[in-house]
Amino acid sequence: MAKTQDFTATLKDMMGAFPVDTTALEDAFKSTASLNEKLSGVALDAAEKSAEISNKWTKETLAKLTEMSKAKAEPADYAKAATDFASASAEVAAENMAAFAEIAKKVQTETVELLMAAGKDAAEDATAAVKKATNEVTAAAKKATAAK
């Protein structure tokens, strides 16, 4: 029967021949984790504010419905109560939609600012990595030339 060859030692030798500097990957992971934390903070803040607006809107609507559902002396009073409720609801809806729009605008602005800063940081990191690699290659070439 054929015996499968164990490549563990071969792979270890091969990987040892090509040393890898993992600091760039670690830095990238840390940068990504930091960006995700900031973006999550923006999203959670927006969700909290949206929930507050929705809660307030619901309470106001229920209060107006309570007032509208009370017994009236004249049939015309029911029509007036319904009209008043519809008018007040439309007004409150416009105010709340404007508040939601402000939250969305703030989220958009903060997200763009975070992504622009992250892009700038990534470009600076890439420049530093290329500079470091260039210096290492130059030093190795000088060593090889001096050895001849």
N, C-alpha and C. Protein backbone atom coordinates (compact mmCIF):
# COMPACT_ATOMS: atom_id res chain seq x y z
N MET A 1 0.82 -1.19 0.00
CA MET A 1 0.00 0.00 0.00
C MET A 1 0.87 1.25 0.00
N ALA A 2 0.37 2.25 -0.64
CA ALA A 2 1.11 3.52 -0.70
C ALA A 2 0.92 4.28 0.60
N LYS A 3 2.01 4.86 1.06
CA LYS A 3 1.96 5.63 2.29
C LYS A 3 1.98 7.12 1.93
N THR A 4 1.07 7.88 2.52
CA THR A 4 1.03 9.32 2.22
C THR A 4 2.21 10.02 2.87
N GLN A 5 2.79 10.90 2.12
CA GLN A 5 3.95 11.61 2.61
C GLN A 5 3.52 12.73 3.56
N ASP A 6 4.30 12.91 4.61
CA ASP A 6 4.01 13.97 5.59
C ASP A 6 4.73 15.24 5.14
N PHE A 7 3.95 16.24 4.77
CA PHE A 7 4.52 17.48 4.27
C PHE A 7 4.71 18.53 5.37
N THR A 8 4.46 18.19 6.61
CA THR A 8 4.55 19.16 7.70
C THR A 8 5.95 19.77 7.79
N ALA A 9 6.96 18.92 7.82
CA ALA A 9 8.34 19.42 7.93
C ALA A 9 8.71 20.24 6.70
N THR A 10 8.29 19.81 5.53
CA THR A 10 8.59 20.54 4.30
C THR A 10 7.95 21.92 4.32
N LEU A 11 6.70 21.98 4.75
CA LEU A 11 6.01 23.27 4.81
C LEU A 11 6.66 24.20 5.84
N LYS A 12 7.07 23.64 6.98
CA LYS A 12 7.74 24.46 7.99
C LYS A 12 9.04 25.05 7.45
N ASP A 13 9.82 24.22 6.75
CA ASP A 13 11.07 24.69 6.16
C ASP A 13 10.80 25.77 5.11
N MET A 14 9.78 25.54 4.30
CA MET A 14 9.44 26.49 3.24
C MET A 14 8.99 27.83 3.83
N MET A 15 8.14 27.78 4.85
CA MET A 15 7.65 29.01 5.48
C MET A 15 8.79 29.72 6.21
N GLY A 16 9.72 28.97 6.76
CA GLY A 16 10.87 29.56 7.44
C GLY A 16 11.78 30.28 6.46
N ALA A 17 11.81 29.81 5.23
CA ALA A 17 12.65 30.43 4.21
C ALA A 17 12.10 31.78 3.76
N PHE A 18 10.81 31.99 3.95
CA PHE A 18 10.16 33.25 3.56
C PHE A 18 9.57 33.92 4.79
N PRO A 19 10.39 34.60 5.58
CA PRO A 19 9.86 35.24 6.79
C PRO A 19 8.86 36.33 6.42
N VAL A 20 7.78 36.40 7.17
CA VAL A 20 6.71 37.36 6.91
C VAL A 20 6.59 38.30 8.10
N ASP A 21 6.57 39.58 7.80
CA ASP A 21 6.38 40.58 8.84
C ASP A 21 4.88 40.81 8.99
N THR A 22 4.34 40.34 10.09
CA THR A 22 2.89 40.43 10.29
C THR A 22 2.44 41.74 10.93
N THR A 23 3.38 42.64 11.20
CA THR A 23 2.97 43.90 11.85
C THR A 23 2.03 44.69 10.96
N ALA A 24 2.22 44.63 9.64
CA ALA A 24 1.32 45.36 8.74
C ALA A 24 -0.10 44.81 8.85
N LEU A 25 -0.22 43.48 8.92
CA LEU A 25 -1.54 42.88 9.06
C LEU A 25 -2.16 43.22 10.41
N GLU A 26 -1.34 43.20 11.45
CA GLU A 26 -1.84 43.54 12.78
C GLU A 26 -2.31 44.99 12.84
N ASP A 27 -1.53 45.89 12.23
CA ASP A 27 -1.92 47.29 12.20
C ASP A 27 -3.20 47.49 11.40
N ALA A 28 -3.32 46.77 10.28
CA ALA A 28 -4.53 46.87 9.47
C ALA A 28 -5.74 46.37 10.26
N PHE A 29 -5.56 45.28 11.00
CA PHE A 29 -6.66 44.75 11.81
C PHE A 29 -7.08 45.76 12.88
N LYS A 30 -6.08 46.36 13.54
CA LYS A 30 -6.39 47.35 14.58
C LYS A 30 -7.09 48.57 14.00
N SER A 31 -6.63 49.01 12.83
CA SER A 31 -7.27 50.16 12.17
C SER A 31 -8.71 49.84 11.80
N THR A 32 -8.91 48.64 11.27
CA THR A 32 -10.27 48.23 10.88
C THR A 32 -11.17 48.11 12.10
N ALA A 33 -10.65 47.54 13.17
CA ALA A 33 -11.45 47.40 14.39
C ALA A 33 -11.80 48.78 14.95
N SER A 34 -10.87 49.70 14.91
CA SER A 34 -11.12 51.06 15.39
C SER A 34 -12.18 51.76 14.54
N LEU A 35 -12.07 51.61 13.22
CA LEU A 35 -13.05 52.22 12.32
C LEU A 35 -14.43 51.62 12.56
N ASN A 36 -14.50 50.30 12.71
CA ASN A 36 -15.78 49.63 12.96
C ASN A 36 -16.40 50.11 14.28
N GLU A 37 -15.56 50.33 15.28
CA GLU A 37 -16.07 50.82 16.56
C GLU A 37 -16.68 52.22 16.40
N LYS A 38 -16.00 53.06 15.66
CA LYS A 38 -16.50 54.42 15.44
C LYS A 38 -17.79 54.41 14.62
N LEU A 39 -17.82 53.60 13.56
CA LEU A 39 -19.02 53.51 12.73
C LEU A 39 -20.19 52.93 13.53
N SER A 40 -19.91 51.97 14.38
CA SER A 40 -20.97 51.40 15.23
C SER A 40 -21.50 52.46 16.18
N GLY A 41 -20.61 53.28 16.71
CA GLY A 41 -21.02 54.36 17.60
C GLY A 41 -21.96 55.33 16.90
N VAL A 42 -21.64 55.67 15.65
CA VAL A 42 -22.50 56.57 14.87
C VAL A 42 -23.87 55.92 14.66
N ALA A 43 -23.87 54.65 14.27
CA ALA A 43 -25.14 53.95 14.00
C ALA A 43 -25.98 53.81 15.27
N LEU A 44 -25.34 53.46 16.38
CA LEU A 44 -26.09 53.28 17.63
C LEU A 44 -26.64 54.61 18.15
N ASP A 45 -25.87 55.67 17.99
CA ASP A 45 -26.35 57.00 18.40
C ASP A 45 -27.57 57.39 17.56
N ALA A 46 -27.51 57.14 16.27
CA ALA A 46 -28.65 57.45 15.39
C ALA A 46 -29.87 56.60 15.75
N ALA A 47 -29.64 55.33 16.05
CA ALA A 47 -30.76 54.45 16.43
C ALA A 47 -31.41 54.93 17.72
N GLU A 48 -30.59 55.36 18.67
CA GLU A 48 -31.12 55.85 19.95
C GLU A 48 -31.97 57.11 19.74
N LYS A 49 -31.46 58.04 18.94
CA LYS A 49 -32.21 59.27 18.68
C LYS A 49 -33.49 58.98 17.91
N SER A 50 -33.43 58.07 16.95
CA SER A 50 -34.63 57.69 16.19
C SER A 50 -35.67 57.06 17.09
N ALA A 51 -35.22 56.23 18.00
CA ALA A 51 -36.16 55.59 18.94
C ALA A 51 -36.82 56.63 19.84
N GLU A 52 -36.05 57.62 20.26
CA GLU A 52 -36.61 58.69 21.09
C GLU A 52 -37.68 59.46 20.33
N ILE A 53 -37.41 59.78 19.07
CA ILE A 53 -38.40 60.50 18.25
C ILE A 53 -39.65 59.65 18.06
N SER A 54 -39.47 58.39 17.74
CA SER A 54 -40.62 57.49 17.53
C SER A 54 -41.45 57.37 18.80
N ASN A 55 -40.78 57.25 19.94
CA ASN A 55 -41.48 57.12 21.22
C ASN A 55 -42.29 58.39 21.52
N LYS A 56 -41.66 59.53 21.32
CA LYS A 56 -42.34 60.81 21.57
C LYS A 56 -43.54 60.95 20.62
N TRP A 57 -43.36 60.60 19.37
CA TRP A 57 -44.41 60.71 18.36
C TRP A 57 -45.59 59.81 18.75
N THR A 58 -45.28 58.60 19.19
CA THR A 58 -46.34 57.67 19.59
C THR A 58 -47.12 58.20 20.79
N LYS A 59 -46.41 58.72 21.78
CA LYS A 59 -47.08 59.26 22.97
C LYS A 59 -47.99 60.43 22.62
N GLU A 60 -47.51 61.32 21.75
CA GLU A 60 -48.33 62.46 21.33
C GLU A 60 -49.57 62.01 20.57
N THR A 61 -49.40 61.02 19.70
CA THR A 61 -50.53 60.50 18.93
C THR A 61 -51.57 59.86 19.85
N LEU A 62 -51.09 59.07 20.81
CA LEU A 62 -52.03 58.43 21.75
C LEU A 62 -52.76 59.47 22.59
N ALA A 63 -52.08 60.52 22.99
CA ALA A 63 -52.73 61.58 23.77
C ALA A 63 -53.82 62.25 22.94
N LYS A 64 -53.55 62.49 21.66
CA LYS A 64 -54.54 63.12 20.79
C LYS A 64 -55.71 62.18 20.52
N LEU A 65 -55.41 60.88 20.40
CA LEU A 65 -56.49 59.90 20.20
C LEU A 65 -57.38 59.82 21.43
N THR A 66 -56.76 59.92 22.59
CA THR A 66 -57.54 59.89 23.83
C THR A 66 -58.52 61.06 23.85
N GLU A 67 -58.03 62.22 23.48
CA GLU A 67 -58.88 63.41 23.45
C GLU A 67 -59.97 63.26 22.39
N MET A 68 -59.64 62.70 21.25
CA MET A 68 -60.62 62.56 20.17
C MET A 68 -61.69 61.53 20.52
N SER A 69 -61.35 60.51 21.29
CA SER A 69 -62.30 59.43 21.57
C SER A 69 -63.29 59.75 22.68
N LYS A 70 -63.17 60.91 23.31
CA LYS A 70 -64.12 61.28 24.37
C LYS A 70 -65.49 61.55 23.77
N ALA A 71 -66.51 61.29 24.59
CA ALA A 71 -67.89 61.50 24.13
C ALA A 71 -68.14 62.99 23.91
N LYS A 72 -68.87 63.29 22.86
CA LYS A 72 -69.18 64.67 22.50
C LYS A 72 -70.69 64.90 22.63
N ALA A 73 -71.06 66.17 22.86
CA ALA A 73 -72.48 66.52 23.03
C ALA A 73 -73.19 66.60 21.69
N GLU A 74 -72.53 67.08 20.67
CA GLU A 74 -73.15 67.27 19.35
C GLU A 74 -72.44 66.42 18.30
N PRO A 75 -73.17 65.93 17.31
CA PRO A 75 -72.54 65.16 16.23
C PRO A 75 -71.47 65.95 15.48
N ALA A 76 -71.68 67.25 15.36
CA ALA A 76 -70.69 68.09 14.66
C ALA A 76 -69.36 68.14 15.42
N ASP A 77 -69.42 67.94 16.74
CA ASP A 77 -68.19 67.95 17.53
C ASP A 77 -67.28 66.78 17.18
N TYR A 78 -67.88 65.66 16.77
CA TYR A 78 -67.08 64.50 16.35
C TYR A 78 -66.29 64.83 15.08
N ALA A 79 -66.95 65.49 14.14
CA ALA A 79 -66.28 65.88 12.89
C ALA A 79 -65.16 66.87 13.18
N LYS A 80 -65.42 67.80 14.09
CA LYS A 80 -64.40 68.79 14.45
C LYS A 80 -63.22 68.10 15.14
N ALA A 81 -63.49 67.15 16.03
CA ALA A 81 -62.42 66.43 16.72
C ALA A 81 -61.57 65.64 15.72
N ALA A 82 -62.23 65.00 14.76
CA ALA A 82 -61.50 64.24 13.74
C ALA A 82 -60.65 65.17 12.88
N THR A 83 -61.20 66.30 12.52
CA THR A 83 -60.45 67.28 11.72
C THR A 83 -59.26 67.82 12.50
N ASP A 84 -59.49 68.14 13.77
CA ASP A 84 -58.40 68.64 14.61
C ASP A 84 -57.29 67.58 14.76
N PHE A 85 -57.70 66.33 14.94
CA PHE A 85 -56.73 65.24 15.08
C PHE A 85 -55.91 65.09 13.80
N ALA A 86 -56.59 65.08 12.65
CA ALA A 86 -55.88 64.92 11.37
C ALA A 86 -54.92 66.08 11.14
N SER A 87 -55.36 67.29 11.45
CA SER A 87 -54.51 68.47 11.26
C SER A 87 -53.28 68.41 12.18
N ALA A 88 -53.50 68.10 13.45
CA ALA A 88 -52.40 68.02 14.40
C ALA A 88 -51.44 66.87 14.04
N SER A 89 -52.00 65.77 13.58
CA SER A 89 -51.16 64.62 13.19
C SER A 89 -50.27 64.95 12.00
N ALA A 90 -50.81 65.67 11.05
CA ALA A 90 -50.02 66.06 9.87
C ALA A 90 -48.89 67.00 10.28
N GLU A 91 -49.20 67.92 11.19
CA GLU A 91 -48.19 68.87 11.66
C GLU A 91 -47.06 68.14 12.40
N VAL A 92 -47.45 67.24 13.31
CA VAL A 92 -46.46 66.48 14.08
C VAL A 92 -45.64 65.57 13.16
N ALA A 93 -46.30 64.99 12.16
CA ALA A 93 -45.59 64.12 11.21
C ALA A 93 -44.52 64.91 10.47
N ALA A 94 -44.84 66.11 10.05
CA ALA A 94 -43.85 66.94 9.34
C ALA A 94 -42.66 67.26 10.25
N GLU A 95 -42.94 67.60 11.50
CA GLU A 95 -41.87 67.91 12.45
C GLU A 95 -40.97 66.68 12.68
N ASN A 96 -41.60 65.54 12.88
CA ASN A 96 -40.84 64.33 13.16
C ASN A 96 -40.05 63.84 11.95
N MET A 97 -40.62 63.99 10.78
CA MET A 97 -39.88 63.60 9.57
C MET A 97 -38.67 64.50 9.38
N ALA A 98 -38.81 65.78 9.72
CA ALA A 98 -37.66 66.69 9.65
C ALA A 98 -36.59 66.28 10.67
N ALA A 99 -37.02 65.84 11.85
CA ALA A 99 -36.06 65.38 12.86
C ALA A 99 -35.35 64.12 12.39
N PHE A 100 -36.08 63.20 11.77
CA PHE A 100 -35.44 61.99 11.22
C PHE A 100 -34.44 62.36 10.11
N ALA A 101 -34.81 63.33 9.29
CA ALA A 101 -33.91 63.77 8.22
C ALA A 101 -32.62 64.37 8.79
N GLU A 102 -32.74 65.11 9.88
CA GLU A 102 -31.55 65.67 10.53
C GLU A 102 -30.62 64.57 11.05
N ILE A 103 -31.23 63.54 11.63
CA ILE A 103 -30.43 62.41 12.12
C ILE A 103 -29.72 61.74 10.95
N ALA A 104 -30.43 61.52 9.86
CA ALA A 104 -29.83 60.87 8.69
C ALA A 104 -28.70 61.71 8.11
N LYS A 105 -28.90 63.03 8.08
CA LYS A 105 -27.87 63.92 7.56
C LYS A 105 -26.62 63.88 8.45
N LYS A 106 -26.83 63.85 9.76
CA LYS A 106 -25.70 63.79 10.69
C LYS A 106 -24.95 62.47 10.53
N VAL A 107 -25.68 61.37 10.39
CA VAL A 107 -25.05 60.05 10.20
C VAL A 107 -24.23 60.05 8.91
N GLN A 108 -24.79 60.60 7.86
CA GLN A 108 -24.09 60.64 6.58
C GLN A 108 -22.80 61.46 6.70
N THR A 109 -22.88 62.62 7.32
CA THR A 109 -21.71 63.48 7.48
C THR A 109 -20.63 62.80 8.31
N GLU A 110 -21.02 62.22 9.45
CA GLU A 110 -20.04 61.56 10.31
C GLU A 110 -19.41 60.35 9.63
N THR A 111 -20.21 59.60 8.88
CA THR A 111 -19.69 58.43 8.17
C THR A 111 -18.68 58.83 7.11
N VAL A 112 -19.00 59.86 6.35
CA VAL A 112 -18.07 60.33 5.31
C VAL A 112 -16.77 60.81 5.96
N GLU A 113 -16.87 61.55 7.06
CA GLU A 113 -15.67 62.03 7.76
C GLU A 113 -14.81 60.86 8.25
N LEU A 114 -15.46 59.85 8.82
CA LEU A 114 -14.71 58.68 9.31
C LEU A 114 -14.03 57.94 8.16
N LEU A 115 -14.75 57.76 7.05
CA LEU A 115 -14.18 57.03 5.92
C LEU A 115 -13.05 57.82 5.26
N MET A 116 -13.19 59.13 5.20
CA MET A 116 -12.11 59.96 4.64
C MET A 116 -10.86 59.87 5.52
N ALA A 117 -11.05 59.93 6.84
CA ALA A 117 -9.92 59.81 7.76
C ALA A 117 -9.27 58.43 7.65
N ALA A 118 -10.10 57.40 7.51
CA ALA A 118 -9.57 56.04 7.39
C ALA A 118 -8.78 55.89 6.08
N GLY A 119 -9.28 56.49 5.02
CA GLY A 119 -8.57 56.44 3.74
C GLY A 119 -7.23 57.15 3.82
N LYS A 120 -7.20 58.29 4.50
CA LYS A 120 -5.96 59.03 4.67
C LYS A 120 -4.97 58.20 5.49
N ASP A 121 -5.45 57.59 6.56
CA ASP A 121 -4.58 56.74 7.40
C ASP A 121 -4.05 55.56 6.60
N ALA A 122 -4.90 54.94 5.79
CA ALA A 122 -4.47 53.79 4.99
C ALA A 122 -3.40 54.21 3.98
N ALA A 123 -3.57 55.37 3.38
CA ALA A 123 -2.58 55.85 2.42
C ALA A 123 -1.24 56.12 3.11
N GLU A 124 -1.30 56.70 4.30
CA GLU A 124 -0.07 56.96 5.05
C GLU A 124 0.61 55.64 5.45
N ASP A 125 -0.18 54.66 5.87
CA ASP A 125 0.37 53.36 6.24
C ASP A 125 1.01 52.67 5.03
N ALA A 126 0.35 52.76 3.88
CA ALA A 126 0.89 52.14 2.67
C ALA A 126 2.19 52.81 2.27
N THR A 127 2.24 54.13 2.36
CA THR A 127 3.47 54.86 2.03
C THR A 127 4.61 54.44 2.95
N ALA A 128 4.31 54.34 4.24
CA ALA A 128 5.34 53.93 5.21
C ALA A 128 5.81 52.51 4.93
N ALA A 129 4.89 51.61 4.59
CA ALA A 129 5.26 50.23 4.31
C ALA A 129 6.14 50.14 3.06
N VAL A 130 5.80 50.90 2.03
CA VAL A 130 6.61 50.88 0.80
C VAL A 130 7.99 51.46 1.07
N LYS A 131 8.04 52.52 1.85
CA LYS A 131 9.34 53.13 2.19
C LYS A 131 10.21 52.14 2.97
N LYS A 132 9.60 51.45 3.93
CA LYS A 132 10.34 50.47 4.73
C LYS A 132 10.86 49.34 3.85
N ALA A 133 10.00 48.84 2.97
CA ALA A 133 10.41 47.75 2.07
C ALA A 133 11.53 48.21 1.15
N THR A 134 11.44 49.43 0.66
CA THR A 134 12.48 49.96 -0.22
C THR A 134 13.82 50.04 0.52
N ASN A 135 13.77 50.52 1.74
CA ASN A 135 15.00 50.61 2.55
C ASN A 135 15.60 49.24 2.80
N GLU A 136 14.75 48.25 3.08
CA GLU A 136 15.24 46.89 3.33
C GLU A 136 15.87 46.29 2.08
N VAL A 137 15.24 46.50 0.92
CA VAL A 137 15.77 45.97 -0.33
C VAL A 137 17.10 46.66 -0.65
N THR A 138 17.17 47.96 -0.45
CA THR A 138 18.40 48.71 -0.70
C THR A 138 19.52 48.21 0.20
N ALA A 139 19.20 48.02 1.47
CA ALA A 139 20.21 47.53 2.42
C ALA A 139 20.69 46.13 2.02
N ALA A 140 19.78 45.27 1.61
CA ALA A 140 20.16 43.91 1.19
C ALA A 140 21.02 43.95 -0.06
N ALA A 141 20.69 44.85 -1.01
CA ALA A 141 21.47 44.97 -2.23
C ALA A 141 22.88 45.49 -1.92
N LYS A 142 22.96 46.43 -1.01
CA LYS A 142 24.29 46.95 -0.63
C LYS A 142 25.14 45.85 0.04
N LYS A 143 24.49 45.05 0.87
CA LYS A 143 25.20 43.94 1.53
C LYS A 143 25.71 42.94 0.49
N ALA A 144 24.83 42.62 -0.47
CA ALA A 144 25.21 41.65 -1.50
C ALA A 144 26.34 42.20 -2.36
N THR A 145 26.32 43.47 -2.66
CA THR A 145 27.37 44.10 -3.46
C THR A 145 28.68 44.14 -2.70
N ALA A 146 28.62 44.45 -1.41
CA ALA A 146 29.81 44.53 -0.58
C ALA A 146 30.44 43.15 -0.37
N ALA A 147 29.64 42.11 -0.41
CA ALA A 147 30.13 40.76 -0.18
C ALA A 147 30.96 40.25 -1.36
N LYS A 148 30.77 40.82 -2.54
CA LYS A 148 31.48 40.34 -3.76
C LYS A 148 32.90 40.75 -3.77
